[in-house]
Amino acid sequence: MAVYRVTKTFPKDEMFGLTSQVRRASVSVASNIVEGCARQSQADFVRFLDMAFGSLREAEYQLTIADRLGYTDPDESKRLAGVADEAARVLAGLIKSLRKS
């Protein structure tokens, strides 16, 4: 939800560019986790978690681009980077744990 709030302030000429890209990547994170949970095997679940992790890193990078272009408030950028980093650590821990079992 934070990504949608922050991207509302992006320039209108980014509507089909960076705005769309970062929104799709962020939605993909949760969507892949949910879809993986619905799968019948743990291997499938882990595969979808891997995709979620990739989407998370993609969104994180796109947000750094937005920050560098001056589209976001620096404090908000730091906060979002912290949220993304925490989510990445949790997701990586879950993936590692499931691969061990």
PDB file of N, CA and C in Angstrom:
ATOM      1  N   MET A   1       0.818  -1.190   0.000  1.00  0.00           N
ATOM      2  CA  MET A   1       0.000   0.000   0.000  1.00  0.00           C
ATOM      3  C   MET A   1       0.868   1.263   0.000  1.00  0.00           C
ATOM      4  N   ALA A   2       2.005   1.186   0.684  1.00  0.00           N
ATOM      5  CA  ALA A   2       2.900   2.347   0.735  1.00  0.00           C
ATOM      6  C   ALA A   2       3.411   2.709  -0.651  1.00  0.00           C
ATOM      7  N   VAL A   3       3.656   1.714  -1.479  1.00  0.00           N
ATOM      8  CA  VAL A   3       4.135   1.983  -2.842  1.00  0.00           C
ATOM      9  C   VAL A   3       3.072   2.741  -3.631  1.00  0.00           C
ATOM     10  N   TYR A   4       1.824   2.351  -3.485  1.00  0.00           N
ATOM     11  CA  TYR A   4       0.751   3.058  -4.189  1.00  0.00           C
ATOM     12  C   TYR A   4       0.644   4.502  -3.703  1.00  0.00           C
ATOM     13  N   ARG A   5       0.781   4.700  -2.393  1.00  0.00           N
ATOM     14  CA  ARG A   5       0.707   6.064  -1.856  1.00  0.00           C
ATOM     15  C   ARG A   5       1.849   6.925  -2.397  1.00  0.00           C
ATOM     16  N   VAL A   6       3.046   6.382  -2.388  1.00  0.00           N
ATOM     17  CA  VAL A   6       4.215   7.142  -2.813  1.00  0.00           C
ATOM     18  C   VAL A   6       4.193   7.419  -4.312  1.00  0.00           C
ATOM     19  N   THR A   7       3.722   6.477  -5.097  1.00  0.00           N
ATOM     20  CA  THR A   7       3.737   6.663  -6.549  1.00  0.00           C
ATOM     21  C   THR A   7       2.641   7.610  -7.037  1.00  0.00           C
ATOM     22  N   LYS A   8       1.675   7.932  -6.179  1.00  0.00           N
ATOM     23  CA  LYS A   8       0.655   8.918  -6.553  1.00  0.00           C
ATOM     24  C   LYS A   8       1.275  10.275  -6.857  1.00  0.00           C
ATOM     25  N   THR A   9       2.426  10.541  -6.268  1.00  0.00           N
ATOM     26  CA  THR A   9       3.071  11.842  -6.450  1.00  0.00           C
ATOM     27  C   THR A   9       4.086  11.845  -7.598  1.00  0.00           C
ATOM     28  N   PHE A  10       4.289  10.700  -8.243  1.00  0.00           N
ATOM     29  CA  PHE A  10       5.220  10.646  -9.369  1.00  0.00           C
ATOM     30  C   PHE A  10       4.678  11.498 -10.519  1.00  0.00           C
ATOM     31  N   PRO A  11       5.567  12.021 -11.358  1.00  0.00           N
ATOM     32  CA  PRO A  11       5.104  12.804 -12.502  1.00  0.00           C
ATOM     33  C   PRO A  11       4.145  12.007 -13.393  1.00  0.00           C
ATOM     34  N   LYS A  12       3.199  12.710 -13.967  1.00  0.00           N
ATOM     35  CA  LYS A  12       2.197  12.051 -14.825  1.00  0.00           C
ATOM     36  C   LYS A  12       2.835  11.357 -16.023  1.00  0.00           C
ATOM     37  N   ASP A  13       3.962  11.880 -16.507  1.00  0.00           N
ATOM     38  CA  ASP A  13       4.600  11.237 -17.658  1.00  0.00           C
ATOM     39  C   ASP A  13       5.257   9.904 -17.292  1.00  0.00           C
ATOM     40  N   GLU A  14       5.270   9.558 -16.009  1.00  0.00           N
ATOM     41  CA  GLU A  14       5.783   8.254 -15.557  1.00  0.00           C
ATOM     42  C   GLU A  14       4.656   7.241 -15.354  1.00  0.00           C
ATOM     43  N   MET A  15       3.419   7.630 -15.629  1.00  0.00           N
ATOM     44  CA  MET A  15       2.265   6.754 -15.391  1.00  0.00           C
ATOM     45  C   MET A  15       2.461   5.365 -16.007  1.00  0.00           C
ATOM     46  N   PHE A  16       2.965   5.308 -17.229  1.00  0.00           N
ATOM     47  CA  PHE A  16       3.131   4.021 -17.900  1.00  0.00           C
ATOM     48  C   PHE A  16       4.572   3.537 -17.853  1.00  0.00           C
ATOM     49  N   GLY A  17       5.391   4.245 -17.110  1.00  0.00           N
ATOM     50  CA  GLY A  17       6.790   3.878 -16.966  1.00  0.00           C
ATOM     51  C   GLY A  17       7.068   3.401 -15.558  1.00  0.00           C
ATOM     52  N   LEU A  18       7.826   4.207 -14.835  1.00  0.00           N
ATOM     53  CA  LEU A  18       8.273   3.819 -13.506  1.00  0.00           C
ATOM     54  C   LEU A  18       7.119   3.583 -12.539  1.00  0.00           C
ATOM     55  N   THR A  19       6.099   4.404 -12.599  1.00  0.00           N
ATOM     56  CA  THR A  19       4.944   4.220 -11.702  1.00  0.00           C
ATOM     57  C   THR A  19       4.343   2.836 -11.876  1.00  0.00           C
ATOM     58  N   SER A  20       4.070   2.479 -13.105  1.00  0.00           N
ATOM     59  CA  SER A  20       3.484   1.178 -13.404  1.00  0.00           C
ATOM     60  C   SER A  20       4.428   0.040 -13.017  1.00  0.00           C
ATOM     61  N   GLN A  21       5.703   0.188 -13.320  1.00  0.00           N
ATOM     62  CA  GLN A  21       6.683  -0.867 -13.049  1.00  0.00           C
ATOM     63  C   GLN A  21       6.797  -1.167 -11.554  1.00  0.00           C
ATOM     64  N   VAL A  22       6.950  -0.131 -10.757  1.00  0.00           N
ATOM     65  CA  VAL A  22       7.143  -0.342  -9.319  1.00  0.00           C
ATOM     66  C   VAL A  22       5.862  -0.860  -8.670  1.00  0.00           C
ATOM     67  N   ARG A  23       4.722  -0.422  -9.158  1.00  0.00           N
ATOM     68  CA  ARG A  23       3.459  -0.941  -8.618  1.00  0.00           C
ATOM     69  C   ARG A  23       3.293  -2.422  -8.954  1.00  0.00           C
ATOM     70  N   ARG A  24       3.572  -2.782 -10.191  1.00  0.00           N
ATOM     71  CA  ARG A  24       3.437  -4.194 -10.583  1.00  0.00           C
ATOM     72  C   ARG A  24       4.402  -5.083  -9.806  1.00  0.00           C
ATOM     73  N   ALA A  25       5.630  -4.613  -9.634  1.00  0.00           N
ATOM     74  CA  ALA A  25       6.610  -5.412  -8.897  1.00  0.00           C
ATOM     75  C   ALA A  25       6.179  -5.593  -7.442  1.00  0.00           C
ATOM     76  N   SER A  26       5.682  -4.532  -6.828  1.00  0.00           N
ATOM     77  CA  SER A  26       5.281  -4.645  -5.424  1.00  0.00           C
ATOM     78  C   SER A  26       4.056  -5.539  -5.249  1.00  0.00           C
ATOM     79  N   VAL A  27       3.108  -5.456  -6.159  1.00  0.00           N
ATOM     80  CA  VAL A  27       1.934  -6.337  -6.094  1.00  0.00           C
ATOM     81  C   VAL A  27       2.352  -7.782  -6.346  1.00  0.00           C
ATOM     82  N   SER A  28       3.329  -7.975  -7.199  1.00  0.00           N
ATOM     83  CA  SER A  28       3.819  -9.310  -7.524  1.00  0.00           C
ATOM     84  C   SER A  28       4.392 -10.020  -6.297  1.00  0.00           C
ATOM     85  N   VAL A  29       4.987  -9.269  -5.390  1.00  0.00           N
ATOM     86  CA  VAL A  29       5.557  -9.872  -4.177  1.00  0.00           C
ATOM     87  C   VAL A  29       4.470 -10.627  -3.421  1.00  0.00           C
ATOM     88  N   ALA A  30       3.442  -9.916  -3.034  1.00  0.00           N
ATOM     89  CA  ALA A  30       2.361 -10.544  -2.260  1.00  0.00           C
ATOM     90  C   ALA A  30       1.611 -11.588  -3.085  1.00  0.00           C
ATOM     91  N   SER A  31       1.396 -11.315  -4.346  1.00  0.00           N
ATOM     92  CA  SER A  31       0.664 -12.253  -5.205  1.00  0.00           C
ATOM     93  C   SER A  31       1.389 -13.593  -5.312  1.00  0.00           C
ATOM     94  N   ASN A  32       2.704 -13.554  -5.459  1.00  0.00           N
ATOM     95  CA  ASN A  32       3.459 -14.798  -5.554  1.00  0.00           C
ATOM     96  C   ASN A  32       3.464 -15.571  -4.239  1.00  0.00           C
ATOM     97  N   ILE A  33       3.515 -14.871  -3.135  1.00  0.00           N
ATOM     98  CA  ILE A  33       3.446 -15.547  -1.838  1.00  0.00           C
ATOM     99  C   ILE A  33       2.098 -16.240  -1.682  1.00  0.00           C
ATOM    100  N   VAL A  34       1.036 -15.532  -2.006  1.00  0.00           N
ATOM    101  CA  VAL A  34      -0.311 -16.101  -1.895  1.00  0.00           C
ATOM    102  C   VAL A  34      -0.474 -17.294  -2.833  1.00  0.00           C
ATOM    103  N   GLU A  35      -0.024 -17.140  -4.077  1.00  0.00           N
ATOM    104  CA  GLU A  35      -0.153 -18.247  -5.025  1.00  0.00           C
ATOM    105  C   GLU A  35       0.674 -19.445  -4.575  1.00  0.00           C
ATOM    106  N   GLY A  36       1.858 -19.196  -4.049  1.00  0.00           N
ATOM    107  CA  GLY A  36       2.690 -20.294  -3.557  1.00  0.00           C
ATOM    108  C   GLY A  36       2.043 -21.039  -2.409  1.00  0.00           C
ATOM    109  N   CYS A  37       1.368 -20.309  -1.533  1.00  0.00           N
ATOM    110  CA  CYS A  37       0.657 -20.942  -0.409  1.00  0.00           C
ATOM    111  C   CYS A  37      -0.439 -21.887  -0.892  1.00  0.00           C
ATOM    112  N   ALA A  38      -0.983 -21.591  -2.048  1.00  0.00           N
ATOM    113  CA  ALA A  38      -2.089 -22.393  -2.580  1.00  0.00           C
ATOM    114  C   ALA A  38      -1.597 -23.647  -3.302  1.00  0.00           C
ATOM    115  N   ARG A  39      -0.309 -23.762  -3.496  1.00  0.00           N
ATOM    116  CA  ARG A  39       0.244 -24.917  -4.208  1.00  0.00           C
ATOM    117  C   ARG A  39       0.274 -26.140  -3.304  1.00  0.00           C
ATOM    118  N   GLN A  40       0.300 -27.295  -3.937  1.00  0.00           N
ATOM    119  CA  GLN A  40       0.220 -28.557  -3.209  1.00  0.00           C
ATOM    120  C   GLN A  40       1.563 -29.046  -2.673  1.00  0.00           C
ATOM    121  N   SER A  41       2.662 -28.573  -3.237  1.00  0.00           N
ATOM    122  CA  SER A  41       3.958 -29.078  -2.778  1.00  0.00           C
ATOM    123  C   SER A  41       4.817 -27.954  -2.206  1.00  0.00           C
ATOM    124  N   GLN A  42       5.694 -28.339  -1.328  1.00  0.00           N
ATOM    125  CA  GLN A  42       6.610 -27.377  -0.733  1.00  0.00           C
ATOM    126  C   GLN A  42       7.573 -26.830  -1.793  1.00  0.00           C
ATOM    127  N   ALA A  43       7.961 -27.670  -2.739  1.00  0.00           N
ATOM    128  CA  ALA A  43       8.861 -27.219  -3.806  1.00  0.00           C
ATOM    129  C   ALA A  43       8.212 -26.105  -4.626  1.00  0.00           C
ATOM    130  N   ASP A  44       6.937 -26.252  -4.918  1.00  0.00           N
ATOM    131  CA  ASP A  44       6.218 -25.194  -5.642  1.00  0.00           C
ATOM    132  C   ASP A  44       6.144 -23.923  -4.800  1.00  0.00           C
ATOM    133  N   PHE A  45       5.868 -24.101  -3.522  1.00  0.00           N
ATOM    134  CA  PHE A  45       5.792 -22.953  -2.624  1.00  0.00           C
ATOM    135  C   PHE A  45       7.115 -22.186  -2.634  1.00  0.00           C
ATOM    136  N   VAL A  46       8.220 -22.904  -2.515  1.00  0.00           N
ATOM    137  CA  VAL A  46       9.537 -22.266  -2.510  1.00  0.00           C
ATOM    138  C   VAL A  46       9.804 -21.568  -3.844  1.00  0.00           C
ATOM    139  N   ARG A  47       9.395 -22.184  -4.937  1.00  0.00           N
ATOM    140  CA  ARG A  47       9.588 -21.568  -6.252  1.00  0.00           C
ATOM    141  C   ARG A  47       8.854 -20.220  -6.325  1.00  0.00           C
ATOM    142  N   PHE A  48       7.641 -20.166  -5.803  1.00  0.00           N
ATOM    143  CA  PHE A  48       6.892 -18.907  -5.803  1.00  0.00           C
ATOM    144  C   PHE A  48       7.483 -17.896  -4.822  1.00  0.00           C
ATOM    145  N   LEU A  49       8.042 -18.384  -3.723  1.00  0.00           N
ATOM    146  CA  LEU A  49       8.723 -17.478  -2.799  1.00  0.00           C
ATOM    147  C   LEU A  49       9.956 -16.876  -3.468  1.00  0.00           C
ATOM    148  N   ASP A  50      10.660 -17.680  -4.263  1.00  0.00           N
ATOM    149  CA  ASP A  50      11.805 -17.159  -5.022  1.00  0.00           C
ATOM    150  C   ASP A  50      11.372 -16.055  -5.976  1.00  0.00           C
ATOM    151  N   MET A  51      10.247 -16.254  -6.642  1.00  0.00           N
ATOM    152  CA  MET A  51       9.743 -15.214  -7.546  1.00  0.00           C
ATOM    153  C   MET A  51       9.356 -13.961  -6.767  1.00  0.00           C
ATOM    154  N   ALA A  52       8.755 -14.151  -5.594  1.00  0.00           N
ATOM    155  CA  ALA A  52       8.393 -13.013  -4.749  1.00  0.00           C
ATOM    156  C   ALA A  52       9.644 -12.242  -4.334  1.00  0.00           C
ATOM    157  N   PHE A  53      10.697 -12.974  -3.994  1.00  0.00           N
ATOM    158  CA  PHE A  53      11.950 -12.339  -3.595  1.00  0.00           C
ATOM    159  C   PHE A  53      12.530 -11.511  -4.750  1.00  0.00           C
ATOM    160  N   GLY A  54      12.488 -12.062  -5.941  1.00  0.00           N
ATOM    161  CA  GLY A  54      12.964 -11.331  -7.110  1.00  0.00           C
ATOM    162  C   GLY A  54      12.154 -10.070  -7.361  1.00  0.00           C
ATOM    163  N   SER A  55      10.849 -10.182  -7.234  1.00  0.00           N
ATOM    164  CA  SER A  55       9.982  -9.009  -7.416  1.00  0.00           C
ATOM    165  C   SER A  55      10.251  -7.951  -6.351  1.00  0.00           C
ATOM    166  N   LEU A  56      10.522  -8.406  -5.140  1.00  0.00           N
ATOM    167  CA  LEU A  56      10.828  -7.475  -4.052  1.00  0.00           C
ATOM    168  C   LEU A  56      12.094  -6.687  -4.364  1.00  0.00           C
ATOM    169  N   ARG A  57      13.116  -7.379  -4.814  1.00  0.00           N
ATOM    170  CA  ARG A  57      14.370  -6.699  -5.164  1.00  0.00           C
ATOM    171  C   ARG A  57      14.176  -5.760  -6.353  1.00  0.00           C
ATOM    172  N   GLU A  58      13.328  -6.165  -7.306  1.00  0.00           N
ATOM    173  CA  GLU A  58      13.017  -5.319  -8.450  1.00  0.00           C
ATOM    174  C   GLU A  58      12.345  -4.021  -7.982  1.00  0.00           C
ATOM    175  N   ALA A  59      11.339  -4.145  -7.131  1.00  0.00           N
ATOM    176  CA  ALA A  59      10.635  -2.966  -6.612  1.00  0.00           C
ATOM    177  C   ALA A  59      11.584  -2.083  -5.817  1.00  0.00           C
ATOM    178  N   GLU A  60      12.442  -2.710  -5.046  1.00  0.00           N
ATOM    179  CA  GLU A  60      13.407  -1.961  -4.244  1.00  0.00           C
ATOM    180  C   GLU A  60      14.329  -1.124  -5.154  1.00  0.00           C
ATOM    181  N   TYR A  61      14.809  -1.724  -6.220  1.00  0.00           N
ATOM    182  CA  TYR A  61      15.665  -0.995  -7.156  1.00  0.00           C
ATOM    183  C   TYR A  61      14.904   0.141  -7.842  1.00  0.00           C
ATOM    184  N   GLN A  62      13.692  -0.131  -8.254  1.00  0.00           N
ATOM    185  CA  GLN A  62      12.891   0.898  -8.918  1.00  0.00           C
ATOM    186  C   GLN A  62      12.628   2.076  -7.989  1.00  0.00           C
ATOM    187  N   LEU A  63      12.457   1.800  -6.719  1.00  0.00           N
ATOM    188  CA  LEU A  63      12.269   2.883  -5.752  1.00  0.00           C
ATOM    189  C   LEU A  63      13.549   3.694  -5.572  1.00  0.00           C
ATOM    190  N   THR A  64      14.703   3.058  -5.706  1.00  0.00           N
ATOM    191  CA  THR A  64      15.950   3.827  -5.634  1.00  0.00           C
ATOM    192  C   THR A  64      16.092   4.738  -6.856  1.00  0.00           C
ATOM    193  N   ILE A  65      15.627   4.252  -8.000  1.00  0.00           N
ATOM    194  CA  ILE A  65      15.634   5.100  -9.202  1.00  0.00           C
ATOM    195  C   ILE A  65      14.736   6.320  -8.967  1.00  0.00           C
ATOM    196  N   ALA A  66      13.546   6.076  -8.425  1.00  0.00           N
ATOM    197  CA  ALA A  66      12.618   7.171  -8.144  1.00  0.00           C
ATOM    198  C   ALA A  66      13.242   8.173  -7.184  1.00  0.00           C
ATOM    199  N   ASP A  67      13.949   7.676  -6.197  1.00  0.00           N
ATOM    200  CA  ASP A  67      14.614   8.554  -5.242  1.00  0.00           C
ATOM    201  C   ASP A  67      15.692   9.383  -5.941  1.00  0.00           C
ATOM    202  N   ARG A  68      16.491   8.742  -6.761  1.00  0.00           N
ATOM    203  CA  ARG A  68      17.567   9.435  -7.463  1.00  0.00           C
ATOM    204  C   ARG A  68      17.035  10.479  -8.446  1.00  0.00           C
ATOM    205  N   LEU A  69      15.845  10.242  -8.978  1.00  0.00           N
ATOM    206  CA  LEU A  69      15.224  11.210  -9.882  1.00  0.00           C
ATOM    207  C   LEU A  69      14.500  12.325  -9.130  1.00  0.00           C
ATOM    208  N   GLY A  70      14.435  12.197  -7.800  1.00  0.00           N
ATOM    209  CA  GLY A  70      13.789  13.219  -6.986  1.00  0.00           C
ATOM    210  C   GLY A  70      12.276  13.091  -6.925  1.00  0.00           C
ATOM    211  N   TYR A  71      11.760  11.916  -7.245  1.00  0.00           N
ATOM    212  CA  TYR A  71      10.308  11.702  -7.230  1.00  0.00           C
ATOM    213  C   TYR A  71       9.760  11.439  -5.830  1.00  0.00           C
ATOM    214  N   THR A  72      10.619  11.073  -4.904  1.00  0.00           N
ATOM    215  CA  THR A  72      10.159  10.732  -3.559  1.00  0.00           C
ATOM    216  C   THR A  72      10.865  11.603  -2.527  1.00  0.00           C
ATOM    217  N   ASP A  73      10.202  11.790  -1.422  1.00  0.00           N
ATOM    218  CA  ASP A  73      10.785  12.481  -0.285  1.00  0.00           C
ATOM    219  C   ASP A  73      11.920  11.608   0.264  1.00  0.00           C
ATOM    220  N   PRO A  74      13.086  12.168   0.555  1.00  0.00           N
ATOM    221  CA  PRO A  74      14.212  11.361   1.045  1.00  0.00           C
ATOM    222  C   PRO A  74      13.893  10.543   2.297  1.00  0.00           C
ATOM    223  N   ASP A  75      13.131  11.117   3.212  1.00  0.00           N
ATOM    224  CA  ASP A  75      12.763  10.375   4.423  1.00  0.00           C
ATOM    225  C   ASP A  75      11.853   9.188   4.091  1.00  0.00           C
ATOM    226  N   GLU A  76      10.920   9.418   3.182  1.00  0.00           N
ATOM    227  CA  GLU A  76      10.022   8.338   2.760  1.00  0.00           C
ATOM    228  C   GLU A  76      10.807   7.256   2.028  1.00  0.00           C
ATOM    229  N   SER A  77      11.775   7.653   1.238  1.00  0.00           N
ATOM    230  CA  SER A  77      12.624   6.681   0.533  1.00  0.00           C
ATOM    231  C   SER A  77      13.373   5.799   1.519  1.00  0.00           C
ATOM    232  N   LYS A  78      13.912   6.410   2.557  1.00  0.00           N
ATOM    233  CA  LYS A  78      14.624   5.638   3.586  1.00  0.00           C
ATOM    234  C   LYS A  78      13.679   4.679   4.292  1.00  0.00           C
ATOM    235  N   ARG A  79      12.483   5.152   4.592  1.00  0.00           N
ATOM    236  CA  ARG A  79      11.509   4.300   5.281  1.00  0.00           C
ATOM    237  C   ARG A  79      11.135   3.109   4.404  1.00  0.00           C
ATOM    238  N   LEU A  80      10.856   3.368   3.127  1.00  0.00           N
ATOM    239  CA  LEU A  80      10.506   2.282   2.207  1.00  0.00           C
ATOM    240  C   LEU A  80      11.668   1.316   2.021  1.00  0.00           C
ATOM    241  N   ALA A  81      12.877   1.839   1.957  1.00  0.00           N
ATOM    242  CA  ALA A  81      14.053   0.972   1.826  1.00  0.00           C
ATOM    243  C   ALA A  81      14.178   0.064   3.048  1.00  0.00           C
ATOM    244  N   GLY A  82      13.889   0.597   4.223  1.00  0.00           N
ATOM    245  CA  GLY A  82      13.926  -0.210   5.443  1.00  0.00           C
ATOM    246  C   GLY A  82      12.869  -1.301   5.446  1.00  0.00           C
ATOM    247  N   VAL A  83      11.672  -0.950   4.991  1.00  0.00           N
ATOM    248  CA  VAL A  83      10.589  -1.934   4.906  1.00  0.00           C
ATOM    249  C   VAL A  83      10.952  -3.031   3.910  1.00  0.00           C
ATOM    250  N   ALA A  84      11.488  -2.632   2.757  1.00  0.00           N
ATOM    251  CA  ALA A  84      11.885  -3.611   1.737  1.00  0.00           C
ATOM    252  C   ALA A  84      12.998  -4.510   2.250  1.00  0.00           C
ATOM    253  N   ASP A  85      13.959  -3.933   2.953  1.00  0.00           N
ATOM    254  CA  ASP A  85      15.066  -4.722   3.487  1.00  0.00           C
ATOM    255  C   ASP A  85      14.574  -5.731   4.518  1.00  0.00           C
ATOM    256  N   GLU A  86      13.686  -5.302   5.393  1.00  0.00           N
ATOM    257  CA  GLU A  86      13.135  -6.207   6.397  1.00  0.00           C
ATOM    258  C   GLU A  86      12.340  -7.331   5.733  1.00  0.00           C
ATOM    259  N   ALA A  87      11.528  -6.989   4.742  1.00  0.00           N
ATOM    260  CA  ALA A  87      10.747  -8.000   4.021  1.00  0.00           C
ATOM    261  C   ALA A  87      11.674  -8.993   3.321  1.00  0.00           C
ATOM    262  N   ALA A  88      12.761  -8.496   2.751  1.00  0.00           N
ATOM    263  CA  ALA A  88      13.722  -9.372   2.067  1.00  0.00           C
ATOM    264  C   ALA A  88      14.382 -10.323   3.053  1.00  0.00           C
ATOM    265  N   ARG A  89      14.733  -9.838   4.230  1.00  0.00           N
ATOM    266  CA  ARG A  89      15.352 -10.716   5.237  1.00  0.00           C
ATOM    267  C   ARG A  89      14.383 -11.798   5.702  1.00  0.00           C
ATOM    268  N   VAL A  90      13.135 -11.413   5.936  1.00  0.00           N
ATOM    269  CA  VAL A  90      12.133 -12.394   6.368  1.00  0.00           C
ATOM    270  C   VAL A  90      11.887 -13.432   5.272  1.00  0.00           C
ATOM    271  N   LEU A  91      11.731 -12.975   4.053  1.00  0.00           N
ATOM    272  CA  LEU A  91      11.480 -13.864   2.929  1.00  0.00           C
ATOM    273  C   LEU A  91      12.671 -14.790   2.689  1.00  0.00           C
ATOM    274  N   ALA A  92      13.872 -14.247   2.732  1.00  0.00           N
ATOM    275  CA  ALA A  92      15.076 -15.075   2.547  1.00  0.00           C
ATOM    276  C   ALA A  92      15.194 -16.123   3.657  1.00  0.00           C
ATOM    277  N   GLY A  93      14.857 -15.744   4.876  1.00  0.00           N
ATOM    278  CA  GLY A  93      14.891 -16.698   5.997  1.00  0.00           C
ATOM    279  C   GLY A  93      13.886 -17.819   5.801  1.00  0.00           C
ATOM    280  N   LEU A  94      12.695 -17.480   5.348  1.00  0.00           N
ATOM    281  CA  LEU A  94      11.663 -18.487   5.097  1.00  0.00           C
ATOM    282  C   LEU A  94      12.100 -19.437   3.988  1.00  0.00           C
ATOM    283  N   ILE A  95      12.625 -18.885   2.911  1.00  0.00           N
ATOM    284  CA  ILE A  95      13.087 -19.723   1.809  1.00  0.00           C
ATOM    285  C   ILE A  95      14.198 -20.662   2.271  1.00  0.00           C
ATOM    286  N   LYS A  96      15.153 -20.127   3.005  1.00  0.00           N
ATOM    287  CA  LYS A  96      16.268 -20.944   3.515  1.00  0.00           C
ATOM    288  C   LYS A  96      15.763 -22.057   4.425  1.00  0.00           C
ATOM    289  N   SER A  97      14.835 -21.727   5.298  1.00  0.00           N
ATOM    290  CA  SER A  97      14.271 -22.714   6.214  1.00  0.00           C
ATOM    291  C   SER A  97      13.528 -23.821   5.474  1.00  0.00           C
ATOM    292  N   LEU A  98      12.743 -23.448   4.477  1.00  0.00           N
ATOM    293  CA  LEU A  98      11.983 -24.451   3.718  1.00  0.00           C
ATOM    294  C   LEU A  98      12.899 -25.319   2.876  1.00  0.00           C
ATOM    295  N   ARG A  99      13.991 -24.781   2.395  1.00  0.00           N
ATOM    296  CA  ARG A  99      14.928 -25.575   1.588  1.00  0.00           C
ATOM    297  C   ARG A  99      15.653 -26.600   2.448  1.00  0.00           C
ATOM    298  N   LYS A 100      15.858 -26.291   3.725  1.00  0.00           N
ATOM    299  CA  LYS A 100      16.541 -27.225   4.630  1.00  0.00           C
ATOM    300  C   LYS A 100      15.653 -28.414   4.984  1.00  0.00           C
ATOM    301  N   SER A 101      14.349 -28.174   4.999  1.00  0.00           N
ATOM    302  CA  SER A 101      13.439 -29.246   5.445  1.00  0.00           C
ATOM    303  C   SER A 101      13.014 -30.163   4.324  1.00  0.00           C
TER     304      SER A 101
END
